[in-house]
Amino acid sequence: MTDIKRRIDLGHMRTTSKNSLAQALRAAIRESGLSMRQVSLRTGLGYQSVWGFLAGGDLALRNASRIAELLGLELRPVGRKRKDG
């Protein structure tokens, strides 16, 4: 990973946005070279939670934020475009 803080846009939190967020976090964990145990210890999340997430399970947004922070990523919401009328 580079020293530049990467950003992951959360979008409107539709299923596709959640999937995109999960995929981006999984890829970032793998790219970091950190073990599941290291991610667990450094974020305070249970090992089973990290393992389950990497195996394709769900992760609460607050826990995704912890992982993102560990990896130097910034999660931020993206505003929805308004339709007039």
Foldseek 3Di string as FASTA:
>chain_A
DDPDAAEQEQEPVDPVSQVSLLVVLLVLVVVVVDDLVRLCVQLVHDSVQSVQSNVPDHDDPVSSCSSSVVSRYHYDYDDDDDDDD
